[in-house]
Amino acid sequence: MRKMKLRLDIQAEDFETLENELTVLKEERRVEQERQNKMLDLEQLGKEQEGKLALFEEERREMGNKSSQLEEELESIHGHMEDAQDQAKANLKKFESARDEISRLEGLLKQN
């Protein structure tokens, strides 16, 4: 009887040990699953950030292109303004020459 009780005590201890090991394994599995879920979340976040970065880079290229176009347009406008200024100076010289010619002709008319 005593041997049987001793066997039952040993079996109870073995069962308790196995039960504790099972609890530890379940906890380790839960922790590992959480870690894997976090890794998946981080991978997804990384992909989203890569997508945002690609969009940002595309927008930056477009802005660079627009900036170049605006610089070209500004240079063109500046060139037209210089041409218009040169034309205005030429017209002013023609006007002054015509005015001088009119003054000279008026002077000749007064003499006659």
Foldseek 3Di string as FASTA:
>chain_A
DVVVVVVVVVVVVVVVVVVVVVVVVVVVVVVVVVVVVVVVVVVVVVVVVVVVVVVVVVVVVVVVVVVVVVVVVVVVVVVVVVVVVVVVVVVVVVVVVVVVVVVVVVVVVVVD
